[in-house]
Every structure is written in structure tokens, then in C-alpha cells.
PDB file of N, CA and C in Angstrom:
ATOM      1  N   UNK A   1      39.122  -3.101  74.112  1.00  0.00           N
ATOM      2  CA  UNK A   1      38.451  -4.345  74.391  1.00  0.00           C
ATOM      3  C   UNK A   1      38.022  -4.965  73.069  1.00  0.00           C
ATOM      4  N   UNK A   2      38.261  -6.234  72.912  1.00  0.00           N
ATOM      5  CA  UNK A   2      37.929  -6.922  71.683  1.00  0.00           C
ATOM      6  C   UNK A   2      36.822  -7.939  71.938  1.00  0.00           C
ATOM      7  N   UNK A   3      35.930  -8.061  70.985  1.00  0.00           N
ATOM      8  CA  UNK A   3      34.846  -9.027  71.072  1.00  0.00           C
ATOM      9  C   UNK A   3      35.176 -10.179  70.146  1.00  0.00           C
ATOM     10  N   UNK A   4      34.961 -11.373  70.639  1.00  0.00           N
ATOM     11  CA  UNK A   4      35.095 -12.541  69.789  1.00  0.00           C
ATOM     12  C   UNK A   4      33.761 -12.768  69.088  1.00  0.00           C
ATOM     13  N   UNK A   5      33.772 -13.047  67.788  1.00  0.00           N
ATOM     14  CA  UNK A   5      32.503 -13.252  67.093  1.00  0.00           C
ATOM     15  C   UNK A   5      31.719 -14.429  67.661  1.00  0.00           C
ATOM     16  N   UNK A   6      32.403 -15.432  68.203  1.00  0.00           N
ATOM     17  CA  UNK A   6      31.700 -16.569  68.774  1.00  0.00           C
ATOM     18  C   UNK A   6      31.035 -16.206  70.092  1.00  0.00           C
ATOM     19  N   UNK A   7      31.514 -15.165  70.761  1.00  0.00           N
ATOM     20  CA  UNK A   7      30.908 -14.730  72.014  1.00  0.00           C
ATOM     21  C   UNK A   7      29.584 -14.015  71.788  1.00  0.00           C
ATOM     22  N   UNK A   8      29.291 -13.672  70.564  1.00  0.00           N
ATOM     23  CA  UNK A   8      28.052 -12.956  70.270  1.00  0.00           C
ATOM     24  C   UNK A   8      26.843 -13.876  70.267  1.00  0.00           C
ATOM     25  N   UNK A   9      27.065 -15.158  70.231  1.00  0.00           N
ATOM     26  CA  UNK A   9      25.951 -16.103  70.243  1.00  0.00           C
ATOM     27  C   UNK A   9      25.465 -16.402  68.845  1.00  0.00           C
ATOM     28  N   UNK A  10      24.327 -17.048  68.792  1.00  0.00           N
ATOM     29  CA  UNK A  10      23.773 -17.430  67.496  1.00  0.00           C
ATOM     30  C   UNK A  10      23.280 -16.196  66.743  1.00  0.00           C
ATOM     31  N   UNK A  11      23.030 -16.399  65.480  1.00  0.00           N
ATOM     32  CA  UNK A  11      22.597 -15.282  64.630  1.00  0.00           C
ATOM     33  C   UNK A  11      21.254 -14.713  65.073  1.00  0.00           C
ATOM     34  N   UNK A  12      20.473 -15.485  65.777  1.00  0.00           N
ATOM     35  CA  UNK A  12      19.139 -15.039  66.172  1.00  0.00           C
ATOM     36  C   UNK A  12      19.022 -14.872  67.685  1.00  0.00           C
ATOM     37  N   UNK A  13      20.114 -14.455  68.312  1.00  0.00           N
ATOM     38  CA  UNK A  13      20.083 -14.235  69.757  1.00  0.00           C
ATOM     39  C   UNK A  13      19.027 -13.190  70.092  1.00  0.00           C
ATOM     40  N   UNK A  14      18.182 -13.480  71.085  1.00  0.00           N
ATOM     41  CA  UNK A  14      17.119 -12.528  71.420  1.00  0.00           C
ATOM     42  C   UNK A  14      17.652 -11.194  71.922  1.00  0.00           C
ATOM     43  N   UNK A  15      18.789 -11.199  72.598  1.00  0.00           N
ATOM     44  CA  UNK A  15      19.299  -9.932  73.127  1.00  0.00           C
ATOM     45  C   UNK A  15      19.734  -8.991  72.016  1.00  0.00           C
ATOM     46  N   UNK A  16      20.112  -9.524  70.856  1.00  0.00           N
ATOM     47  CA  UNK A  16      20.459  -8.649  69.729  1.00  0.00           C
ATOM     48  C   UNK A  16      19.226  -7.935  69.191  1.00  0.00           C
ATOM     49  N   UNK A  17      18.109  -8.644  69.138  1.00  0.00           N
ATOM     50  CA  UNK A  17      16.882  -8.050  68.603  1.00  0.00           C
ATOM     51  C   UNK A  17      16.265  -7.042  69.566  1.00  0.00           C
ATOM     52  N   UNK A  18      16.505  -7.234  70.868  1.00  0.00           N
ATOM     53  CA  UNK A  18      15.863  -6.390  71.879  1.00  0.00           C
ATOM     54  C   UNK A  18      16.661  -5.147  72.241  1.00  0.00           C
ATOM     55  N   UNK A  19      17.742  -4.869  71.541  1.00  0.00           N
ATOM     56  CA  UNK A  19      18.538  -3.680  71.859  1.00  0.00           C
ATOM     57  C   UNK A  19      17.785  -2.404  71.507  1.00  0.00           C
ATOM     58  N   UNK A  20      17.930  -1.385  72.347  1.00  0.00           N
ATOM     59  CA  UNK A  20      17.373  -0.072  72.048  1.00  0.00           C
ATOM     60  C   UNK A  20      18.237   0.582  70.969  1.00  0.00           C
ATOM     61  N   UNK A  21      17.737   1.625  70.366  1.00  0.00           N
ATOM     62  CA  UNK A  21      18.423   2.285  69.259  1.00  0.00           C
ATOM     63  C   UNK A  21      19.826   2.751  69.657  1.00  0.00           C
ATOM     64  N   UNK A  22      19.956   3.394  70.816  1.00  0.00           N
ATOM     65  CA  UNK A  22      21.264   3.896  71.260  1.00  0.00           C
ATOM     66  C   UNK A  22      22.232   2.746  71.543  1.00  0.00           C
ATOM     67  N   UNK A  23      21.717   1.690  72.187  1.00  0.00           N
ATOM     68  CA  UNK A  23      22.560   0.532  72.494  1.00  0.00           C
ATOM     69  C   UNK A  23      23.004  -0.154  71.214  1.00  0.00           C
ATOM     70  N   UNK A  24      22.076  -0.275  70.264  1.00  0.00           N
ATOM     71  CA  UNK A  24      22.399  -0.906  68.990  1.00  0.00           C
ATOM     72  C   UNK A  24      23.459  -0.096  68.256  1.00  0.00           C
ATOM     73  N   UNK A  25      23.341   1.239  68.301  1.00  0.00           N
ATOM     74  CA  UNK A  25      24.330   2.097  67.645  1.00  0.00           C
ATOM     75  C   UNK A  25      25.718   1.923  68.237  1.00  0.00           C
ATOM     76  N   UNK A  26      25.814   1.914  69.559  1.00  0.00           N
ATOM     77  CA  UNK A  26      27.117   1.713  70.206  1.00  0.00           C
ATOM     78  C   UNK A  26      27.678   0.328  69.907  1.00  0.00           C
ATOM     79  N   UNK A  27      26.798  -0.666  69.912  1.00  0.00           N
ATOM     80  CA  UNK A  27      27.236  -2.027  69.622  1.00  0.00           C
ATOM     81  C   UNK A  27      27.727  -2.135  68.177  1.00  0.00           C
ATOM     82  N   UNK A  28      27.023  -1.472  67.255  1.00  0.00           N
ATOM     83  CA  UNK A  28      27.451  -1.479  65.857  1.00  0.00           C
ATOM     84  C   UNK A  28      28.813  -0.817  65.687  1.00  0.00           C
ATOM     85  N   UNK A  29      29.031   0.291  66.390  1.00  0.00           N
ATOM     86  CA  UNK A  29      30.340   0.954  66.317  1.00  0.00           C
ATOM     87  C   UNK A  29      31.432   0.015  66.803  1.00  0.00           C
ATOM     88  N   UNK A  30      31.179  -0.664  67.903  1.00  0.00           N
ATOM     89  CA  UNK A  30      32.167  -1.593  68.452  1.00  0.00           C
ATOM     90  C   UNK A  30      32.442  -2.747  67.478  1.00  0.00           C
ATOM     91  N   UNK A  31      31.373  -3.298  66.904  1.00  0.00           N
ATOM     92  CA  UNK A  31      31.544  -4.368  65.919  1.00  0.00           C
ATOM     93  C   UNK A  31      32.324  -3.894  64.699  1.00  0.00           C
ATOM     94  N   UNK A  32      31.995  -2.693  64.217  1.00  0.00           N
ATOM     95  CA  UNK A  32      32.685  -2.149  63.044  1.00  0.00           C
ATOM     96  C   UNK A  32      34.172  -1.935  63.313  1.00  0.00           C
ATOM     97  N   UNK A  33      34.502  -1.423  64.489  1.00  0.00           N
ATOM     98  CA  UNK A  33      35.916  -1.216  64.826  1.00  0.00           C
ATOM     99  C   UNK A  33      36.669  -2.536  64.884  1.00  0.00           C
ATOM    100  N   UNK A  34      36.066  -3.534  65.492  1.00  0.00           N
ATOM    101  CA  UNK A  34      36.712  -4.845  65.545  1.00  0.00           C
ATOM    102  C   UNK A  34      36.851  -5.447  64.157  1.00  0.00           C
ATOM    103  N   UNK A  35      35.810  -5.315  63.354  1.00  0.00           N
ATOM    104  CA  UNK A  35      35.853  -5.839  61.985  1.00  0.00           C
ATOM    105  C   UNK A  35      36.943  -5.140  61.176  1.00  0.00           C
ATOM    106  N   UNK A  36      37.024  -3.819  61.326  1.00  0.00           N
ATOM    107  CA  UNK A  36      38.045  -3.044  60.614  1.00  0.00           C
ATOM    108  C   UNK A  36      39.442  -3.504  60.987  1.00  0.00           C
ATOM    109  N   UNK A  37      39.670  -3.760  62.260  1.00  0.00           N
ATOM    110  CA  UNK A  37      40.978  -4.252  62.697  1.00  0.00           C
ATOM    111  C   UNK A  37      41.308  -5.602  62.069  1.00  0.00           C
ATOM    112  N   UNK A  38      40.316  -6.478  61.980  1.00  0.00           N
ATOM    113  CA  UNK A  38      40.552  -7.798  61.377  1.00  0.00           C
ATOM    114  C   UNK A  38      40.775  -7.685  59.866  1.00  0.00           C
ATOM    115  N   UNK A  39      40.047  -6.790  59.215  1.00  0.00           N
ATOM    116  CA  UNK A  39      40.251  -6.586  57.771  1.00  0.00           C
ATOM    117  C   UNK A  39      41.658  -6.060  57.523  1.00  0.00           C
ATOM    118  N   UNK A  40      42.080  -5.078  58.317  1.00  0.00           N
ATOM    119  CA  UNK A  40      43.421  -4.504  58.145  1.00  0.00           C
ATOM    120  C   UNK A  40      44.516  -5.523  58.416  1.00  0.00           C
ATOM    121  N   UNK A  41      44.264  -6.425  59.360  1.00  0.00           N
ATOM    122  CA  UNK A  41      45.262  -7.444  59.696  1.00  0.00           C
ATOM    123  C   UNK A  41      45.214  -8.637  58.747  1.00  0.00           C
ATOM    124  N   UNK A  42      44.197  -8.692  57.884  1.00  0.00           N
ATOM    125  CA  UNK A  42      44.090  -9.797  56.937  1.00  0.00           C
ATOM    126  C   UNK A  42      43.467 -11.048  57.530  1.00  0.00           C
ATOM    127  N   UNK A  43      42.812 -10.933  58.689  1.00  0.00           N
ATOM    128  CA  UNK A  43      42.120 -12.067  59.314  1.00  0.00           C
ATOM    129  C   UNK A  43      40.743 -12.225  58.674  1.00  0.00           C
ATOM    130  N   UNK A  44      40.711 -12.890  57.544  1.00  0.00           N
ATOM    131  CA  UNK A  44      39.505 -12.956  56.733  1.00  0.00           C
ATOM    132  C   UNK A  44      38.375 -13.690  57.449  1.00  0.00           C
ATOM    133  N   UNK A  45      38.680 -14.790  58.112  1.00  0.00           N
ATOM    134  CA  UNK A  45      37.623 -15.543  58.787  1.00  0.00           C
ATOM    135  C   UNK A  45      36.985 -14.734  59.912  1.00  0.00           C
ATOM    136  N   UNK A  46      37.815 -14.056  60.701  1.00  0.00           N
ATOM    137  CA  UNK A  46      37.293 -13.236  61.790  1.00  0.00           C
ATOM    138  C   UNK A  46      36.485 -12.058  61.228  1.00  0.00           C
ATOM    139  N   UNK A  47      37.010 -11.407  60.199  1.00  0.00           N
ATOM    140  CA  UNK A  47      36.302 -10.276  59.595  1.00  0.00           C
ATOM    141  C   UNK A  47      34.963 -10.727  59.037  1.00  0.00           C
ATOM    142  N   UNK A  48      34.945 -11.882  58.406  1.00  0.00           N
ATOM    143  CA  UNK A  48      33.701 -12.418  57.861  1.00  0.00           C
ATOM    144  C   UNK A  48      32.674 -12.656  58.961  1.00  0.00           C
ATOM    145  N   UNK A  49      33.117 -13.199  60.097  1.00  0.00           N
ATOM    146  CA  UNK A  49      32.201 -13.438  61.214  1.00  0.00           C
ATOM    147  C   UNK A  49      31.615 -12.121  61.724  1.00  0.00           C
ATOM    148  N   UNK A  50      32.449 -11.099  61.832  1.00  0.00           N
ATOM    149  CA  UNK A  50      31.950  -9.796  62.274  1.00  0.00           C
ATOM    150  C   UNK A  50      30.990  -9.200  61.252  1.00  0.00           C
ATOM    151  N   UNK A  51      31.303  -9.345  59.969  1.00  0.00           N
ATOM    152  CA  UNK A  51      30.408  -8.823  58.934  1.00  0.00           C
ATOM    153  C   UNK A  51      29.031  -9.485  59.012  1.00  0.00           C
ATOM    154  N   UNK A  52      29.011 -10.778  59.321  1.00  0.00           N
ATOM    155  CA  UNK A  52      27.726 -11.464  59.471  1.00  0.00           C
ATOM    156  C   UNK A  52      26.910 -10.860  60.599  1.00  0.00           C
ATOM    157  N   UNK A  53      27.542 -10.630  61.742  1.00  0.00           N
ATOM    158  CA  UNK A  53      26.829 -10.070  62.886  1.00  0.00           C
ATOM    159  C   UNK A  53      26.398  -8.632  62.637  1.00  0.00           C
ATOM    160  N   UNK A  54      27.246  -7.869  61.977  1.00  0.00           N
ATOM    161  CA  UNK A  54      26.882  -6.483  61.675  1.00  0.00           C
ATOM    162  C   UNK A  54      25.679  -6.454  60.745  1.00  0.00           C
ATOM    163  N   UNK A  55      25.653  -7.370  59.784  1.00  0.00           N
ATOM    164  CA  UNK A  55      24.547  -7.368  58.825  1.00  0.00           C
ATOM    165  C   UNK A  55      23.212  -7.701  59.478  1.00  0.00           C
ATOM    166  N   UNK A  56      23.239  -8.352  60.651  1.00  0.00           N
ATOM    167  CA  UNK A  56      21.994  -8.613  61.373  1.00  0.00           C
ATOM    168  C   UNK A  56      21.419  -7.338  61.981  1.00  0.00           C
ATOM    169  N   UNK A  57      22.298  -6.402  62.327  1.00  0.00           N
ATOM    170  CA  UNK A  57      21.863  -5.184  63.010  1.00  0.00           C
ATOM    171  C   UNK A  57      21.776  -3.977  62.097  1.00  0.00           C
ATOM    172  N   UNK A  58      22.524  -3.970  61.009  1.00  0.00           N
ATOM    173  CA  UNK A  58      22.583  -2.811  60.114  1.00  0.00           C
ATOM    174  C   UNK A  58      21.551  -2.955  58.995  1.00  0.00           C
ATOM    175  N   UNK A  59      21.091  -1.808  58.513  1.00  0.00           N
ATOM    176  CA  UNK A  59      20.124  -1.810  57.418  1.00  0.00           C
ATOM    177  C   UNK A  59      20.190  -0.479  56.680  1.00  0.00           C
ATOM    178  N   UNK A  60      20.189  -0.506  55.339  1.00  0.00           N
ATOM    179  CA  UNK A  60      20.183   0.757  54.601  1.00  0.00           C
ATOM    180  C   UNK A  60      18.881   1.535  54.764  1.00  0.00           C
ATOM    181  N   UNK A  61      17.835   0.894  55.285  1.00  0.00           N
ATOM    182  CA  UNK A  61      16.561   1.574  55.512  1.00  0.00           C
ATOM    183  C   UNK A  61      16.309   1.850  56.994  1.00  0.00           C
ATOM    184  N   UNK A  62      17.270   1.556  57.877  1.00  0.00           N
ATOM    185  CA  UNK A  62      17.068   1.719  59.309  1.00  0.00           C
ATOM    186  C   UNK A  62      17.334   3.131  59.796  1.00  0.00           C
ATOM    187  N   UNK A  63      17.617   3.242  61.097  1.00  0.00           N
ATOM    188  CA  UNK A  63      17.936   4.555  61.661  1.00  0.00           C
ATOM    189  C   UNK A  63      19.319   4.997  61.181  1.00  0.00           C
ATOM    190  N   UNK A  64      19.742   6.149  61.623  1.00  0.00           N
ATOM    191  CA  UNK A  64      20.989   6.738  61.121  1.00  0.00           C
ATOM    192  C   UNK A  64      22.186   5.811  61.315  1.00  0.00           C
ATOM    193  N   UNK A  65      22.343   5.268  62.508  1.00  0.00           N
ATOM    194  CA  UNK A  65      23.495   4.409  62.778  1.00  0.00           C
ATOM    195  C   UNK A  65      23.423   3.115  61.978  1.00  0.00           C
ATOM    196  N   UNK A  66      22.231   2.582  61.795  1.00  0.00           N
ATOM    197  CA  UNK A  66      22.085   1.371  60.982  1.00  0.00           C
ATOM    198  C   UNK A  66      22.479   1.643  59.536  1.00  0.00           C
ATOM    199  N   UNK A  67      22.093   2.797  59.014  1.00  0.00           N
ATOM    200  CA  UNK A  67      22.461   3.136  57.624  1.00  0.00           C
ATOM    201  C   UNK A  67      23.963   3.309  57.486  1.00  0.00           C
ATOM    202  N   UNK A  68      24.571   4.032  58.430  1.00  0.00           N
ATOM    203  CA  UNK A  68      26.023   4.238  58.378  1.00  0.00           C
ATOM    204  C   UNK A  68      26.742   2.898  58.456  1.00  0.00           C
ATOM    205  N   UNK A  69      26.311   2.059  59.387  1.00  0.00           N
ATOM    206  CA  UNK A  69      26.934   0.741  59.545  1.00  0.00           C
ATOM    207  C   UNK A  69      26.758  -0.096  58.285  1.00  0.00           C
ATOM    208  N   UNK A  70      25.611   0.016  57.642  1.00  0.00           N
ATOM    209  CA  UNK A  70      25.360  -0.730  56.415  1.00  0.00           C
ATOM    210  C   UNK A  70      26.344  -0.321  55.320  1.00  0.00           C
ATOM    211  N   UNK A  71      26.570   0.976  55.158  1.00  0.00           N
ATOM    212  CA  UNK A  71      27.499   1.453  54.126  1.00  0.00           C
ATOM    213  C   UNK A  71      28.945   1.069  54.457  1.00  0.00           C
ATOM    214  N   UNK A  72      29.327   1.185  55.721  1.00  0.00           N
ATOM    215  CA  UNK A  72      30.674   0.785  56.109  1.00  0.00           C
ATOM    216  C   UNK A  72      30.877  -0.719  55.929  1.00  0.00           C
ATOM    217  N   UNK A  73      29.842  -1.498  56.224  1.00  0.00           N
ATOM    218  CA  UNK A  73      29.923  -2.945  56.056  1.00  0.00           C
ATOM    219  C   UNK A  73      30.146  -3.298  54.589  1.00  0.00           C
ATOM    220  N   UNK A  74      29.431  -2.621  53.713  1.00  0.00           N
ATOM    221  CA  UNK A  74      29.620  -2.858  52.280  1.00  0.00           C
ATOM    222  C   UNK A  74      31.042  -2.505  51.852  1.00  0.00           C
ATOM    223  N   UNK A  75      31.564  -1.393  52.358  1.00  0.00           N
ATOM    224  CA  UNK A  75      32.927  -0.981  52.008  1.00  0.00           C
ATOM    225  C   UNK A  75      33.956  -1.978  52.539  1.00  0.00           C
ATOM    226  N   UNK A  76      33.767  -2.463  53.755  1.00  0.00           N
ATOM    227  CA  UNK A  76      34.697  -3.455  54.313  1.00  0.00           C
ATOM    228  C   UNK A  76      34.643  -4.754  53.512  1.00  0.00           C
ATOM    229  N   UNK A  77      33.447  -5.160  53.132  1.00  0.00           N
ATOM    230  CA  UNK A  77      33.311  -6.378  52.332  1.00  0.00           C
ATOM    231  C   UNK A  77      34.006  -6.225  50.977  1.00  0.00           C
ATOM    232  N   UNK A  78      33.853  -5.050  50.362  1.00  0.00           N
ATOM    233  CA  UNK A  78      34.541  -4.806  49.078  1.00  0.00           C
ATOM    234  C   UNK A  78      36.056  -4.844  49.256  1.00  0.00           C
ATOM    235  N   UNK A  79      36.530  -4.293  50.356  1.00  0.00           N
ATOM    236  CA  UNK A  79      37.966  -4.298  50.600  1.00  0.00           C
ATOM    237  C   UNK A  79      38.474  -5.730  50.765  1.00  0.00           C
ATOM    238  N   UNK A  80      37.710  -6.570  51.455  1.00  0.00           N
ATOM    239  CA  UNK A  80      38.090  -7.971  51.580  1.00  0.00           C
ATOM    240  C   UNK A  80      38.089  -8.662  50.220  1.00  0.00           C
ATOM    241  N   UNK A  81      37.081  -8.376  49.403  1.00  0.00           N
ATOM    242  CA  UNK A  81      36.991  -9.004  48.085  1.00  0.00           C
ATOM    243  C   UNK A  81      38.149  -8.606  47.176  1.00  0.00           C
ATOM    244  N   UNK A  82      38.674  -7.421  47.370  1.00  0.00           N
ATOM    245  CA  UNK A  82      39.790  -6.984  46.528  1.00  0.00           C
ATOM    246  C   UNK A  82      41.061  -7.790  46.782  1.00  0.00           C
ATOM    247  N   UNK A  83      41.053  -8.589  47.836  1.00  0.00           N
ATOM    248  CA  UNK A  83      42.185  -9.494  48.071  1.00  0.00           C
ATOM    249  C   UNK A  83      42.277 -10.534  46.956  1.00  0.00           C
ATOM    250  N   UNK A  84      41.141 -10.794  46.307  1.00  0.00           N
ATOM    251  CA  UNK A  84      41.078 -11.724  45.189  1.00  0.00           C
ATOM    252  C   UNK A  84      40.616 -10.964  43.962  1.00  0.00           C
ATOM    253  N   UNK A  85      41.541 -10.375  43.194  1.00  0.00           N
ATOM    254  CA  UNK A  85      41.159  -9.530  42.057  1.00  0.00           C
ATOM    255  C   UNK A  85      40.264 -10.225  41.046  1.00  0.00           C
ATOM    256  N   UNK A  86      40.511 -11.494  40.762  1.00  0.00           N
ATOM    257  CA  UNK A  86      39.677 -12.216  39.800  1.00  0.00           C
ATOM    258  C   UNK A  86      38.241 -12.326  40.270  1.00  0.00           C
ATOM    259  N   UNK A  87      38.058 -12.651  41.527  1.00  0.00           N
ATOM    260  CA  UNK A  87      36.718 -12.743  42.102  1.00  0.00           C
ATOM    261  C   UNK A  87      36.046 -11.381  42.137  1.00  0.00           C
ATOM    262  N   UNK A  88      36.794 -10.362  42.517  1.00  0.00           N
ATOM    263  CA  UNK A  88      36.241  -9.006  42.581  1.00  0.00           C
ATOM    264  C   UNK A  88      35.763  -8.546  41.209  1.00  0.00           C
ATOM    265  N   UNK A  89      36.561  -8.802  40.176  1.00  0.00           N
ATOM    266  CA  UNK A  89      36.169  -8.391  38.815  1.00  0.00           C
ATOM    267  C   UNK A  89      34.983  -9.195  38.303  1.00  0.00           C
ATOM    268  N   UNK A  90      34.925 -10.478  38.684  1.00  0.00           N
ATOM    269  CA  UNK A  90      33.805 -11.314  38.244  1.00  0.00           C
ATOM    270  C   UNK A  90      32.494 -10.851  38.868  1.00  0.00           C
ATOM    271  N   UNK A  91      32.542 -10.404  40.113  1.00  0.00           N
ATOM    272  CA  UNK A  91      31.343  -9.946  40.796  1.00  0.00           C
ATOM    273  C   UNK A  91      30.978  -8.524  40.371  1.00  0.00           C
ATOM    274  N   UNK A  92      31.973  -7.704  40.072  1.00  0.00           N
ATOM    275  CA  UNK A  92      31.755  -6.300  39.709  1.00  0.00           C
ATOM    276  C   UNK A  92      32.315  -5.996  38.321  1.00  0.00           C
ATOM    277  N   UNK A  93      31.832  -6.663  37.286  1.00  0.00           N
ATOM    278  CA  UNK A  93      32.423  -6.434  35.963  1.00  0.00           C
ATOM    279  C   UNK A  93      32.240  -5.015  35.464  1.00  0.00           C
ATOM    280  N   UNK A  94      31.143  -4.384  35.823  1.00  0.00           N
ATOM    281  CA  UNK A  94      30.882  -3.014  35.372  1.00  0.00           C
ATOM    282  C   UNK A  94      31.891  -2.031  35.925  1.00  0.00           C
ATOM    283  N   UNK A  95      32.307  -2.217  37.176  1.00  0.00           N
ATOM    284  CA  UNK A  95      33.289  -1.309  37.778  1.00  0.00           C
ATOM    285  C   UNK A  95      34.624  -1.411  37.063  1.00  0.00           C
ATOM    286  N   UNK A  96      35.032  -2.628  36.743  1.00  0.00           N
ATOM    287  CA  UNK A  96      36.304  -2.835  36.064  1.00  0.00           C
ATOM    288  C   UNK A  96      36.262  -2.252  34.655  1.00  0.00           C
ATOM    289  N   UNK A  97      35.160  -2.498  33.939  1.00  0.00           N
ATOM    290  CA  UNK A  97      35.022  -1.954  32.580  1.00  0.00           C
ATOM    291  C   UNK A  97      34.954  -0.433  32.602  1.00  0.00           C
ATOM    292  N   UNK A  98      34.288   0.120  33.605  1.00  0.00           N
ATOM    293  CA  UNK A  98      34.184   1.575  33.707  1.00  0.00           C
ATOM    294  C   UNK A  98      35.557   2.199  33.914  1.00  0.00           C
ATOM    295  N   UNK A  99      36.414   1.559  34.697  1.00  0.00           N
ATOM    296  CA  UNK A  99      37.761   2.067  34.922  1.00  0.00           C
ATOM    297  C   UNK A  99      38.564   2.051  33.626  1.00  0.00           C
ATOM    298  N   UNK A 100      38.456   0.977  32.876  1.00  0.00           N
ATOM    299  CA  UNK A 100      39.165   0.880  31.592  1.00  0.00           C
ATOM    300  C   UNK A 100      38.631   1.930  30.626  1.00  0.00           C
ATOM    301  N   UNK A 101      37.309   2.104  30.587  1.00  0.00           N
ATOM    302  CA  UNK A 101      36.699   3.092  29.702  1.00  0.00           C
ATOM    303  C   UNK A 101      37.148   4.501  30.074  1.00  0.00           C
ATOM    304  N   UNK A 102      37.194   4.820  31.355  1.00  0.00           N
ATOM    305  CA  UNK A 102      37.638   6.141  31.793  1.00  0.00           C
ATOM    306  C   UNK A 102      39.083   6.379  31.382  1.00  0.00           C
ATOM    307  N   UNK A 103      39.924   5.366  31.514  1.00  0.00           N
ATOM    308  CA  UNK A 103      41.321   5.498  31.125  1.00  0.00           C
ATOM    309  C   UNK A 103      41.442   5.735  29.626  1.00  0.00           C
ATOM    310  N   UNK A 104      40.682   4.980  28.828  1.00  0.00           N
ATOM    311  CA  UNK A 104      40.733   5.150  27.370  1.00  0.00           C
ATOM    312  C   UNK A 104      40.246   6.527  26.951  1.00  0.00           C
ATOM    313  N   UNK A 105      39.155   6.986  27.533  1.00  0.00           N
ATOM    314  CA  UNK A 105      38.637   8.309  27.205  1.00  0.00           C
ATOM    315  C   UNK A 105      39.633   9.384  27.620  1.00  0.00           C
ATOM    316  N   UNK A 106      40.212   9.213  28.789  1.00  0.00           N
ATOM    317  CA  UNK A 106      41.179  10.185  29.285  1.00  0.00           C
ATOM    318  C   UNK A 106      42.370  10.290  28.330  1.00  0.00           C
ATOM    319  N   UNK A 107      42.875   9.154  27.851  1.00  0.00           N
ATOM    320  CA  UNK A 107      44.022   9.173  26.949  1.00  0.00           C
ATOM    321  C   UNK A 107      43.636   9.712  25.574  1.00  0.00           C
ATOM    322  N   UNK A 108      42.411   9.479  25.146  1.00  0.00           N
ATOM    323  CA  UNK A 108      41.975   9.952  23.837  1.00  0.00           C
ATOM    324  C   UNK A 108      41.880  11.477  23.811  1.00  0.00           C
ATOM    325  N   UNK A 109      41.365  12.063  24.892  1.00  0.00           N
ATOM    326  CA  UNK A 109      41.151  13.503  24.914  1.00  0.00           C
ATOM    327  C   UNK A 109      42.302  14.283  25.543  1.00  0.00           C
ATOM    328  N   UNK A 110      43.252  13.595  26.117  1.00  0.00           N
ATOM    329  CA  UNK A 110      44.409  14.279  26.704  1.00  0.00           C
ATOM    330  C   UNK A 110      45.680  13.510  26.347  1.00  0.00           C
ATOM    331  N   UNK A 111      46.080  13.539  25.060  1.00  0.00           N
ATOM    332  CA  UNK A 111      47.237  12.743  24.632  1.00  0.00           C
ATOM    333  C   UNK A 111      48.540  13.175  25.306  1.00  0.00           C
ATOM    334  N   UNK A 112      48.664  14.447  25.669  1.00  0.00           N
ATOM    335  CA  UNK A 112      49.892  14.883  26.346  1.00  0.00           C
ATOM    336  C   UNK A 112      50.032  14.208  27.699  1.00  0.00           C
ATOM    337  N   UNK A 113      48.893  14.021  28.364  1.00  0.00           N
ATOM    338  CA  UNK A 113      48.926  13.337  29.654  1.00  0.00           C
ATOM    339  C   UNK A 113      49.447  11.916  29.486  1.00  0.00           C
ATOM    340  N   UNK A 114      49.074  11.266  28.392  1.00  0.00           N
ATOM    341  CA  UNK A 114      49.522   9.894  28.135  1.00  0.00           C
ATOM    342  C   UNK A 114      51.050   9.869  27.979  1.00  0.00           C
ATOM    343  N   UNK A 115      51.568  10.846  27.229  1.00  0.00           N
ATOM    344  CA  UNK A 115      53.017  10.883  27.042  1.00  0.00           C
ATOM    345  C   UNK A 115      53.725  11.145  28.365  1.00  0.00           C
ATOM    346  N   UNK A 116      53.168  12.049  29.162  1.00  0.00           N
ATOM    347  CA  UNK A 116      53.780  12.351  30.465  1.00  0.00           C
ATOM    348  C   UNK A 116      53.698  11.152  31.385  1.00  0.00           C
ATOM    349  N   UNK A 117      52.598  10.449  31.334  1.00  0.00           N
ATOM    350  CA  UNK A 117      52.381   9.338  32.240  1.00  0.00           C
ATOM    351  C   UNK A 117      53.357   8.195  31.960  1.00  0.00           C
ATOM    352  N   UNK A 118      53.624   7.940  30.690  1.00  0.00           N
ATOM    353  CA  UNK A 118      54.500   6.832  30.334  1.00  0.00           C
ATOM    354  C   UNK A 118      55.943   7.230  30.068  1.00  0.00           C
ATOM    355  N   UNK A 119      56.290   8.485  30.287  1.00  0.00           N
ATOM    356  CA  UNK A 119      57.666   8.916  30.016  1.00  0.00           C
ATOM    357  C   UNK A 119      58.556   8.729  31.236  1.00  0.00           C
ATOM    358  N   UNK A 120      58.010   8.401  32.383  1.00  0.00           N
ATOM    359  CA  UNK A 120      58.829   8.254  33.583  1.00  0.00           C
ATOM    360  C   UNK A 120      59.377   6.879  33.731  1.00  0.00           C
TER     361      UNK A 120
END
């Protein structure tokens, strides 16, 4: 069963705020699965709509399911951002520099690996 993001109502729907912990957890799982399917299919607008709704219910300081959903939401958002490498690097310059630094250090201390890596 698939949920349309527009069927969820406005961002401040009272029924979203009044969910019990177990109901919220199941709803978050359902939202995450739908969002994951849209991310994998490249439906950026749909995935973005789901990410917005998930962010209303998920929290890194909430209960267990809210924390898990928060971390998965961040990972899905990063995966979407990687569709635009320039934007991803501009937002996360430290990650890109760290990768380059790790590669340089690796080649400096393991020169044989460098020769093996580029000999194929």
C-alpha cells in the first residue's frame, strides 16, 4: 500500500500530533519505506514530500523509533543530495576534503598499493 504525500494533509494536522508512540512508530516505518522507494526510483519531488512529513514526526532526541527515523531520514536526504555532486560538496566540504586527505595519506604510506591500484 502506498501513501500519497498530499493525502497526509497539512504539516500541522492534529491527527499527526495526537498519535500514540506505537502508532507513530508504525506510521514512521510506512513513511520511510515509501520515501525509500521514491528515492530509489529517482522521484525527487515525491521523496522530498515524504522527507518533510517524516521530519515532523522524527527527532534525534525522541523515542527509539523517532531516533531511528531521524537517522534514516538524514541518510535518505544525503543520498538525494548526491544526485548533484557540486551541491553535495558545497554543503559538505569537510567530507570531500577528508576523502581526498585519506587517499593522499594512504598513497603516501602505502606506495605499493598506489602502483597496484593504477596498474590495471
